[in-house]
C-alpha atoms as a PDB file:
ATOM      1  CA  MET A   1      -1.669   3.281  21.280  1.00  0.00           C
ATOM      2  CA  SER A   2      -4.448   3.847  22.772  1.00  0.00           C
ATOM      3  CA  GLN A   3      -5.507   4.183  27.473  1.00  0.00           C
ATOM      4  CA  SER A   4      -8.195   3.965  29.040  1.00  0.00           C
ATOM      5  CA  SER A   5     -10.659   6.877  30.390  1.00  0.00           C
ATOM      6  CA  ALA A   6      -8.573   6.980  33.509  1.00  0.00           C
ATOM      7  CA  PHE A   7      -5.447   7.913  31.603  1.00  0.00           C
ATOM      8  CA  PRO A   8      -5.984  11.069  28.662  1.00  0.00           C
ATOM      9  CA  TYR A   9      -5.450  10.276  25.617  1.00  0.00           C
ATOM     10  CA  LEU A  10      -3.596  12.828  23.323  1.00  0.00           C
ATOM     11  CA  HIS A  11      -5.906  11.833  20.248  1.00  0.00           C
ATOM     12  CA  GLY A  12      -9.245  10.846  21.855  1.00  0.00           C
ATOM     13  CA  PHE A  13     -11.459   7.679  20.718  1.00  0.00           C
ATOM     14  CA  SER A  14     -14.018   8.061  18.444  1.00  0.00           C
ATOM     15  CA  LYS A  15     -14.472   6.660  15.499  1.00  0.00           C
ATOM     16  CA  ASP A  16     -13.339   9.037  12.771  1.00  0.00           C
ATOM     17  CA  GLU A  17     -10.103   8.707  14.882  1.00  0.00           C
ATOM     18  CA  GLN A  18      -9.901   5.019  14.569  1.00  0.00           C
ATOM     19  CA  GLU A  19     -10.539   5.135  11.225  1.00  0.00           C
ATOM     20  CA  ARG A  20      -8.260   7.743  11.294  1.00  0.00           C
ATOM     21  CA  LEU A  21      -5.266   5.788  13.045  1.00  0.00           C
ATOM     22  CA  ARG A  22      -5.707   2.801  10.386  1.00  0.00           C
ATOM     23  CA  LYS A  23      -5.008   5.508   7.495  1.00  0.00           C
ATOM     24  CA  GLN A  24      -2.312   6.784   9.743  1.00  0.00           C
ATOM     25  CA  ALA A  25      -0.854   3.038   9.712  1.00  0.00           C
ATOM     26  CA  ARG A  26      -1.243   2.519   6.144  1.00  0.00           C
ATOM     27  CA  PHE A  27       0.063   5.738   5.173  1.00  0.00           C
ATOM     28  CA  GLY A  28       3.561   5.392   7.159  1.00  0.00           C
ATOM     29  CA  GLU A  29       3.926   1.697   5.961  1.00  0.00           C
ATOM     30  CA  PHE A  30       6.667   1.942   3.754  1.00  0.00           C
ATOM     31  CA  THR A  31       8.914   4.031   6.028  1.00  0.00           C
ATOM     32  CA  VAL A  32       8.107   1.695   9.146  1.00  0.00           C
ATOM     33  CA  TYR A  33       7.998  -1.321   7.526  1.00  0.00           C
ATOM     34  CA  GLN A  34      11.354  -1.482   5.462  1.00  0.00           C
ATOM     35  CA  ASN A  35      14.039  -2.522   7.299  1.00  0.00           C
ATOM     36  CA  ILE A  36      11.904  -4.214  10.292  1.00  0.00           C
ATOM     37  CA  ASN A  37      12.138  -8.359   9.636  1.00  0.00           C
ATOM     38  CA  LEU A  38       9.479 -10.636  11.686  1.00  0.00           C
ATOM     39  CA  SER A  39       9.428 -13.728   9.472  1.00  0.00           C
ATOM     40  CA  ALA A  40      11.585 -15.598  12.068  1.00  0.00           C
ATOM     41  CA  VAL A  41       8.993 -15.053  14.817  1.00  0.00           C
ATOM     42  CA  GLN A  42       6.412 -17.216  15.872  1.00  0.00           C
ATOM     43  CA  ASN A  43       4.407 -15.752  18.776  1.00  0.00           C
ATOM     44  CA  LEU A  44       4.681 -11.550  18.653  1.00  0.00           C
ATOM     45  CA  LEU A  45       3.990  -9.366  21.351  1.00  0.00           C
ATOM     46  CA  GLU A  46       2.497  -5.974  19.941  1.00  0.00           C
ATOM     47  CA  VAL A  47       2.525  -3.705  23.115  1.00  0.00           C
ATOM     48  CA  GLY A  48      -0.106  -1.055  22.486  1.00  0.00           C
ATOM     49  CA  CYS A  49      -1.923  -2.303  19.535  1.00  0.00           C
ATOM     50  CA  GLY A  50      -5.205  -0.065  20.018  1.00  0.00           C
ATOM     51  CA  VAL A  51      -7.695  -0.482  16.938  1.00  0.00           C
ATOM     52  CA  GLY A  52      -5.343  -2.823  15.374  1.00  0.00           C
ATOM     53  CA  ALA A  53      -3.938  -1.263  12.309  1.00  0.00           C
ATOM     54  CA  GLN A  54      -0.437  -1.841  13.089  1.00  0.00           C
ATOM     55  CA  SER A  55      -1.521  -5.634  13.866  1.00  0.00           C
ATOM     56  CA  GLU A  56      -2.906  -5.871  10.298  1.00  0.00           C
ATOM     57  CA  ILE A  57      -0.462  -4.533   8.395  1.00  0.00           C
ATOM     58  CA  ILE A  58       2.046  -7.315  10.765  1.00  0.00           C
ATOM     59  CA  LEU A  59      -0.426  -9.882   9.552  1.00  0.00           C
ATOM     60  CA  ARG A  60      -0.438  -9.801   6.238  1.00  0.00           C
ATOM     61  CA  ARG A  61       3.560  -9.056   5.965  1.00  0.00           C
ATOM     62  CA  PHE A  62       4.398 -12.009   8.171  1.00  0.00           C
ATOM     63  CA  PRO A  63       1.764 -15.019   7.682  1.00  0.00           C
ATOM     64  CA  ASP A  64       3.394 -17.154   9.840  1.00  0.00           C
ATOM     65  CA  LEU A  65       3.464 -15.645  13.150  1.00  0.00           C
ATOM     66  CA  GLN A  66       0.746 -15.209  16.004  1.00  0.00           C
ATOM     67  CA  LEU A  67      -0.065 -12.126  17.380  1.00  0.00           C
ATOM     68  CA  THR A  68      -0.829 -11.557  20.690  1.00  0.00           C
ATOM     69  CA  GLY A  69      -2.301  -7.637  21.473  1.00  0.00           C
ATOM     70  CA  ILE A  70      -2.372  -5.764  24.608  1.00  0.00           C
ATOM     71  CA  ASP A  71      -3.784  -2.646  25.054  1.00  0.00           C
ATOM     72  CA  ARG A  72      -5.667  -0.502  27.830  1.00  0.00           C
ATOM     73  CA  SER A  73      -8.554   0.474  26.048  1.00  0.00           C
ATOM     74  CA  THR A  74     -11.946  -1.285  26.002  1.00  0.00           C
ATOM     75  CA  LYS A  75     -12.946   0.613  23.069  1.00  0.00           C
ATOM     76  CA  GLN A  76      -9.906   0.520  20.901  1.00  0.00           C
ATOM     77  CA  LEU A  77      -9.934  -3.544  21.346  1.00  0.00           C
ATOM     78  CA  GLU A  78     -13.482  -3.362  20.470  1.00  0.00           C
ATOM     79  CA  SER A  79     -12.906  -1.951  17.147  1.00  0.00           C
ATOM     80  CA  ALA A  80      -9.739  -3.514  16.880  1.00  0.00           C
ATOM     81  CA  ARG A  81     -11.132  -7.569  17.769  1.00  0.00           C
ATOM     82  CA  HIS A  82     -14.034  -5.441  14.636  1.00  0.00           C
ATOM     83  CA  HIS A  83     -11.767  -5.192  11.778  1.00  0.00           C
ATOM     84  CA  LEU A  84      -8.864  -7.851  12.325  1.00  0.00           C
ATOM     85  CA  SER A  85     -11.773 -10.520  12.065  1.00  0.00           C
ATOM     86  CA  GLN A  86     -12.880  -9.000   8.488  1.00  0.00           C
ATOM     87  CA  LEU A  87      -9.631  -9.768   7.511  1.00  0.00           C
ATOM     88  CA  PRO A  88      -8.899 -13.558   5.969  1.00  0.00           C
ATOM     89  CA  PHE A  89      -5.107 -13.636   6.445  1.00  0.00           C
ATOM     90  CA  ALA A  90      -5.755 -11.999   9.682  1.00  0.00           C
ATOM     91  CA  ARG A  91      -8.281 -14.917  11.328  1.00  0.00           C
ATOM     92  CA  GLU A  92      -7.255 -17.102  13.577  1.00  0.00           C
ATOM     93  CA  ARG A  93      -3.852 -15.705  13.738  1.00  0.00           C
ATOM     94  CA  PHE A  94      -4.130 -12.696  17.083  1.00  0.00           C
ATOM     95  CA  GLN A  95      -5.270 -12.437  20.614  1.00  0.00           C
ATOM     96  CA  LEU A  96      -6.230  -9.443  22.579  1.00  0.00           C
ATOM     97  CA  GLN A  97      -5.978  -8.523  25.972  1.00  0.00           C
ATOM     98  CA  GLU A  98      -6.953  -5.689  27.997  1.00  0.00           C
ATOM     99  CA  MET A  99      -3.507  -5.010  30.122  1.00  0.00           C
ATOM    100  CA  ASP A 100      -1.458  -2.919  31.890  1.00  0.00           C
ATOM    101  CA  ALA A 101       1.577  -3.017  29.995  1.00  0.00           C
ATOM    102  CA  THR A 102       3.831  -1.876  32.988  1.00  0.00           C
ATOM    103  CA  ALA A 103       2.672  -5.172  34.652  1.00  0.00           C
ATOM    104  CA  MET A 104       1.571  -7.866  32.416  1.00  0.00           C
ATOM    105  CA  LYS A 105       0.051 -11.097  32.908  1.00  0.00           C
ATOM    106  CA  PHE A 106       1.746 -13.099  31.099  1.00  0.00           C
ATOM    107  CA  SER A 107       4.777 -15.454  32.340  1.00  0.00           C
ATOM    108  CA  ALA A 108       7.964 -14.802  31.517  1.00  0.00           C
ATOM    109  CA  ASN A 109       9.758 -15.965  28.357  1.00  0.00           C
ATOM    110  CA  SER A 110       6.343 -16.493  26.679  1.00  0.00           C
ATOM    111  CA  PHE A 111       7.246 -14.628  23.302  1.00  0.00           C
ATOM    112  CA  ASP A 112       9.858 -14.867  20.823  1.00  0.00           C
ATOM    113  CA  GLY A 113       9.511 -10.999  19.835  1.00  0.00           C
ATOM    114  CA  ALA A 114       7.968  -7.947  20.777  1.00  0.00           C
ATOM    115  CA  PHE A 115       6.486  -5.125  18.187  1.00  0.00           C
ATOM    116  CA  LEU A 116       5.927  -1.124  19.714  1.00  0.00           C
ATOM    117  CA  CYS A 117       4.871   1.644  17.886  1.00  0.00           C
ATOM    118  CA  TRP A 118       4.046   5.216  18.463  1.00  0.00           C
ATOM    119  CA  ILE A 119       3.196   4.159  22.217  1.00  0.00           C
ATOM    120  CA  LEU A 120       6.015   5.016  24.215  1.00  0.00           C
ATOM    121  CA  GLU A 121       4.757   8.538  23.386  1.00  0.00           C
ATOM    122  CA  HIS A 122       1.573   8.199  25.084  1.00  0.00           C
ATOM    123  CA  VAL A 123       2.973   6.195  29.247  1.00  0.00           C
ATOM    124  CA  PRO A 124       4.444   7.718  31.738  1.00  0.00           C
ATOM    125  CA  ASP A 125       7.243   4.874  32.650  1.00  0.00           C
ATOM    126  CA  PRO A 126       8.597   3.978  29.093  1.00  0.00           C
ATOM    127  CA  ILE A 127      11.285   2.084  31.095  1.00  0.00           C
ATOM    128  CA  ARG A 128       9.139   0.471  33.159  1.00  0.00           C
ATOM    129  CA  VAL A 129       7.361  -1.108  29.929  1.00  0.00           C
ATOM    130  CA  LEU A 130      10.588  -1.962  28.154  1.00  0.00           C
ATOM    131  CA  SER A 131      11.456  -3.907  31.024  1.00  0.00           C
ATOM    132  CA  GLU A 132       7.943  -5.868  31.011  1.00  0.00           C
ATOM    133  CA  VAL A 133       8.691  -6.574  27.560  1.00  0.00           C
ATOM    134  CA  ARG A 134      12.282  -8.012  28.346  1.00  0.00           C
ATOM    135  CA  ARG A 135      11.048 -10.305  31.171  1.00  0.00           C
ATOM    136  CA  VAL A 136       7.641 -11.605  29.044  1.00  0.00           C
ATOM    137  CA  LEU A 137      10.767 -12.418  26.503  1.00  0.00           C
ATOM    138  CA  ARG A 138      12.417 -15.336  25.508  1.00  0.00           C
ATOM    139  CA  PRO A 139      16.506 -15.285  25.416  1.00  0.00           C
ATOM    140  CA  GLY A 140      18.069 -14.113  21.822  1.00  0.00           C
ATOM    141  CA  SER A 141      14.272 -12.521  21.108  1.00  0.00           C
ATOM    142  CA  VAL A 142      14.035  -9.372  18.875  1.00  0.00           C
ATOM    143  CA  ILE A 143      12.922  -5.904  20.170  1.00  0.00           C
ATOM    144  CA  TYR A 144      11.244  -2.932  17.134  1.00  0.00           C
ATOM    145  CA  ILE A 145      10.514  -0.123  18.955  1.00  0.00           C
ATOM    146  CA  THR A 146       8.903   3.267  16.502  1.00  0.00           C
ATOM    147  CA  GLU A 147       8.709   6.190  18.193  1.00  0.00           C
ATOM    148  CA  VAL A 148       8.392  10.069  17.865  1.00  0.00           C
ATOM    149  CA  MET A 149      11.061  12.781  17.801  1.00  0.00           C
ATOM    150  CA  ASN A 150       8.611  15.605  17.610  1.00  0.00           C
ATOM    151  CA  ALA A 151      11.524  18.264  17.675  1.00  0.00           C
ATOM    152  CA  SER A 152      12.255  17.720  14.212  1.00  0.00           C
ATOM    153  CA  PHE A 153       9.062  18.952  12.428  1.00  0.00           C
ATOM    154  CA  PHE A 154       9.454  21.630   9.749  1.00  0.00           C
ATOM    155  CA  LEU A 155       7.349  23.331   7.722  1.00  0.00           C
ATOM    156  CA  ASP A 156       8.211  26.024   5.315  1.00  0.00           C
ATOM    157  CA  PRO A 157       6.891  29.068   4.835  1.00  0.00           C
ATOM    158  CA  TYR A 158       7.049  29.662   8.264  1.00  0.00           C
ATOM    159  CA  SER A 159       3.460  29.059   9.200  1.00  0.00           C
ATOM    160  CA  PRO A 160       2.707  31.001  13.085  1.00  0.00           C
ATOM    161  CA  ASN A 161      -0.262  29.466  13.921  1.00  0.00           C
ATOM    162  CA  VAL A 162       1.232  26.052  12.960  1.00  0.00           C
ATOM    163  CA  SER A 163       3.738  26.917  14.635  1.00  0.00           C
ATOM    164  CA  LYS A 164       2.208  28.197  17.926  1.00  0.00           C
ATOM    165  CA  TYR A 165       0.398  25.077  17.708  1.00  0.00           C
ATOM    166  CA  TRP A 166       2.665  22.311  17.617  1.00  0.00           C
ATOM    167  CA  MET A 167       3.929  23.547  20.651  1.00  0.00           C
ATOM    168  CA  ALA A 168       1.294  23.800  22.508  1.00  0.00           C
ATOM    169  CA  PHE A 169       0.475  19.749  21.107  1.00  0.00           C
ATOM    170  CA  ASN A 170       3.833  18.807  22.598  1.00  0.00           C
ATOM    171  CA  GLU A 171       3.707  20.682  25.999  1.00  0.00           C
ATOM    172  CA  TYR A 172      -0.297  19.207  26.678  1.00  0.00           C
ATOM    173  CA  GLN A 173       1.530  15.551  25.836  1.00  0.00           C
ATOM    174  CA  LEU A 174       3.883  16.165  28.289  1.00  0.00           C
ATOM    175  CA  THR A 175       1.581  17.858  30.985  1.00  0.00           C
ATOM    176  CA  GLN A 176       0.037  14.267  30.273  1.00  0.00           C
ATOM    177  CA  LYS A 177       2.972  12.452  31.586  1.00  0.00           C
ATOM    178  CA  GLY A 178       3.817  11.535  27.927  1.00  0.00           C
ATOM    179  CA  ASP A 179       7.031  12.072  26.035  1.00  0.00           C
ATOM    180  CA  PRO A 180       6.626  13.869  22.292  1.00  0.00           C
ATOM    181  CA  PHE A 181      10.502  13.138  21.973  1.00  0.00           C
ATOM    182  CA  VAL A 182      10.937   9.451  23.560  1.00  0.00           C
ATOM    183  CA  GLY A 183      12.518   8.379  20.191  1.00  0.00           C
ATOM    184  CA  ALA A 184      15.851   9.953  20.775  1.00  0.00           C
ATOM    185  CA  LYS A 185      16.269   7.891  24.242  1.00  0.00           C
ATOM    186  CA  LEU A 186      15.311   5.037  23.137  1.00  0.00           C
ATOM    187  CA  GLY A 187      19.298   3.897  22.830  1.00  0.00           C
ATOM    188  CA  ASN A 188      19.904   4.303  26.773  1.00  0.00           C
ATOM    189  CA  PHE A 189      16.289   3.298  27.901  1.00  0.00           C
ATOM    190  CA  LEU A 190      17.411   0.202  25.648  1.00  0.00           C
ATOM    191  CA  MET A 191      21.222   0.016  27.085  1.00  0.00           C
ATOM    192  CA  GLN A 192      20.084   0.847  30.919  1.00  0.00           C
ATOM    193  CA  LEU A 193      17.602  -2.467  30.830  1.00  0.00           C
ATOM    194  CA  GLY A 194      20.197  -4.909  29.016  1.00  0.00           C
ATOM    195  CA  TYR A 195      19.317  -5.294  26.069  1.00  0.00           C
ATOM    196  CA  LYS A 196      21.543  -6.512  23.853  1.00  0.00           C
ATOM    197  CA  ASP A 197      22.895  -5.883  20.215  1.00  0.00           C
ATOM    198  CA  ILE A 198      21.469  -2.554  19.969  1.00  0.00           C
ATOM    199  CA  GLN A 199      20.856  -0.640  17.055  1.00  0.00           C
ATOM    200  CA  THR A 200      18.859   2.530  15.852  1.00  0.00           C
ATOM    201  CA  GLU A 201      17.895   4.629  12.693  1.00  0.00           C
ATOM    202  CA  VAL A 202      16.285   7.580  12.173  1.00  0.00           C
ATOM    203  CA  LYS A 203      13.236   7.683   9.645  1.00  0.00           C
ATOM    204  CA  THR A 204      12.979  10.904   8.078  1.00  0.00           C
ATOM    205  CA  TRP A 205      10.413  12.506   5.437  1.00  0.00           C
ATOM    206  CA  PHE A 206      11.453  15.089   3.875  1.00  0.00           C
ATOM    207  CA  LEU A 207       9.606  16.191   0.820  1.00  0.00           C
ATOM    208  CA  ASP A 208      10.213  19.188  -1.799  1.00  0.00           C
ATOM    209  CA  ASN A 209       9.966  20.731  -5.200  1.00  0.00           C
ATOM    210  CA  ARG A 210      11.314  16.853  -6.218  1.00  0.00           C
ATOM    211  CA  LEU A 211       7.642  14.821  -5.113  1.00  0.00           C
ATOM    212  CA  PRO A 212       5.487  17.573  -5.198  1.00  0.00           C
ATOM    213  CA  GLN A 213       2.851  15.151  -5.099  1.00  0.00           C
ATOM    214  CA  ALA A 214       3.696  13.049  -2.390  1.00  0.00           C
ATOM    215  CA  ARG A 215       4.860  16.939  -0.122  1.00  0.00           C
ATOM    216  CA  LYS A 216       1.155  17.433  -0.695  1.00  0.00           C
ATOM    217  CA  ASP A 217      -0.262  13.979   0.392  1.00  0.00           C
ATOM    218  CA  CYS A 218       1.907  13.661   3.544  1.00  0.00           C
ATOM    219  CA  ILE A 219       0.932  17.529   4.437  1.00  0.00           C
ATOM    220  CA  GLU A 220      -2.948  16.583   4.494  1.00  0.00           C
ATOM    221  CA  TYR A 221      -1.987  13.934   6.059  1.00  0.00           C
ATOM    222  CA  TRP A 222      -0.045  15.640   8.936  1.00  0.00           C
ATOM    223  CA  THR A 223      -3.252  17.930   8.848  1.00  0.00           C
ATOM    224  CA  GLU A 224      -5.610  15.289  10.381  1.00  0.00           C
ATOM    225  CA  LEU A 225      -3.127  14.368  12.439  1.00  0.00           C
ATOM    226  CA  LEU A 226      -2.895  17.967  14.134  1.00  0.00           C
ATOM    227  CA  LEU A 227      -6.591  18.332  14.235  1.00  0.00           C
ATOM    228  CA  SER A 228      -7.475  14.405  15.827  1.00  0.00           C
ATOM    229  CA  ALA A 229      -5.928  16.074  18.866  1.00  0.00           C
ATOM    230  CA  SER A 230      -7.277  20.098  18.304  1.00  0.00           C
ATOM    231  CA  GLU A 231     -10.624  19.370  20.883  1.00  0.00           C
ATOM    232  CA  GLN A 232      -8.901  18.419  23.813  1.00  0.00           C
ATOM    233  CA  LEU A 233      -6.381  21.463  23.067  1.00  0.00           C
ATOM    234  CA  VAL A 234      -9.066  23.783  23.135  1.00  0.00           C
ATOM    235  CA  GLN A 235     -11.356  22.308  25.880  1.00  0.00           C
ATOM    236  CA  ALA A 236      -7.536  22.610  28.150  1.00  0.00           C
ATOM    237  CA  GLN A 237      -7.056  25.961  26.630  1.00  0.00           C
ATOM    238  CA  TYR A 238      -3.662  25.229  25.406  1.00  0.00           C
ATOM    239  CA  VAL A 239      -4.747  26.808  22.104  1.00  0.00           C
ATOM    240  CA  SER A 240      -7.707  29.089  20.941  1.00  0.00           C
ATOM    241  CA  GLU A 241     -10.112  27.998  18.140  1.00  0.00           C
ATOM    242  CA  GLU A 242      -7.981  30.682  16.140  1.00  0.00           C
ATOM    243  CA  VAL A 243      -5.043  28.896  16.065  1.00  0.00           C
ATOM    244  CA  VAL A 244      -7.084  26.222  15.273  1.00  0.00           C
ATOM    245  CA  GLN A 245      -8.925  27.574  12.210  1.00  0.00           C
ATOM    246  CA  GLY A 246      -5.280  29.088  11.338  1.00  0.00           C
ATOM    247  CA  MET A 247      -3.093  26.465  11.421  1.00  0.00           C
ATOM    248  CA  LYS A 248      -5.684  24.307   9.081  1.00  0.00           C
ATOM    249  CA  ASP A 249      -5.594  27.201   6.586  1.00  0.00           C
ATOM    250  CA  GLU A 250      -1.756  27.541   6.467  1.00  0.00           C
ATOM    251  CA  MET A 251      -1.556  23.692   6.727  1.00  0.00           C
ATOM    252  CA  ALA A 252      -3.861  24.289   3.307  1.00  0.00           C
ATOM    253  CA  LYS A 253      -1.639  26.769   2.056  1.00  0.00           C
ATOM    254  CA  VAL A 254       1.697  24.647   2.372  1.00  0.00           C
ATOM    255  CA  ALA A 255       0.110  21.689   0.383  1.00  0.00           C
ATOM    256  CA  GLY A 256      -0.368  24.016  -2.429  1.00  0.00           C
ATOM    257  CA  ASP A 257       2.956  26.365  -2.141  1.00  0.00           C
ATOM    258  CA  PRO A 258       4.918  24.658  -5.170  1.00  0.00           C
ATOM    259  CA  ASN A 259       8.030  25.770  -3.002  1.00  0.00           C
ATOM    260  CA  ALA A 260       7.040  23.736   0.040  1.00  0.00           C
ATOM    261  CA  VAL A 261       9.506  22.052   2.063  1.00  0.00           C
ATOM    262  CA  PHE A 262       7.916  19.530   4.548  1.00  0.00           C
ATOM    263  CA  TYR A 263      10.796  17.507   7.354  1.00  0.00           C
ATOM    264  CA  TYR A 264       9.940  15.352  10.224  1.00  0.00           C
ATOM    265  CA  SER A 265      12.101  12.744  11.131  1.00  0.00           C
ATOM    266  CA  PHE A 266      11.099  10.068  14.396  1.00  0.00           C
ATOM    267  CA  VAL A 267      13.261   6.616  15.794  1.00  0.00           C
ATOM    268  CA  GLN A 268      13.639   2.979  14.953  1.00  0.00           C
ATOM    269  CA  ALA A 269      15.131   0.707  17.431  1.00  0.00           C
ATOM    270  CA  LYS A 270      15.980  -2.675  16.767  1.00  0.00           C
ATOM    271  CA  ALA A 271      17.402  -5.048  20.285  1.00  0.00           C
ATOM    272  CA  TYR A 272      17.742  -8.463  20.845  1.00  0.00           C
ATOM    273  CA  THR A 273      17.185  -9.930  24.913  1.00  0.00           C
END
């Protein structure tokens, strides 16, 4: 999810970051979409579409739906439009609009499905967003939400600079009125708003000696994710340049360690209106 300049976004808006978001979506595709079925949806609302990284995957995997994506960032939407327009399977199947997810301009009963991925962690009022989503969905529509649970991060061998950096990463997100632990709260949110048939699933990347190359790839991917926030964290004095460099060095060392362990869980929720 992206935000306008009035709403700080932890990872920034550079072209390198835009490409990292697409790479992140491809990296996590198998795990994220394993139990997502949008084949019965005709008009899907994607909240926080950003650069269209998830939009691309959805349009490819579910060729019969039309996608409407909303986001607060003009810059990210421009990138998404350009990227998606280059894909033959996506042309004439998407609309992207700059819009506040807490006050959508759509009328009630406009969509028969909704998709949110890595967005609620960045918004100050996730319940209000989910309330608006419920308003614009038709009765019986499905919603899928995929969100972080950052307390689950574990890396072995113990890496002190990674630990310091990760704590600062989460503290900074909290000061920006985000929530790095929002995944664990999805069931409560949906129940409070009157959604039905609520299901939550914990999804995990757990990599050790059994899959050494996958472990190395995952740690390298996470290094990029962590570094995407380094400029803001240093500028805000949450970490020093030395901690950033120490984190990079430790992640590289762990990536090459024959006995390394990487563990991270996130939460996916499914419900109906």
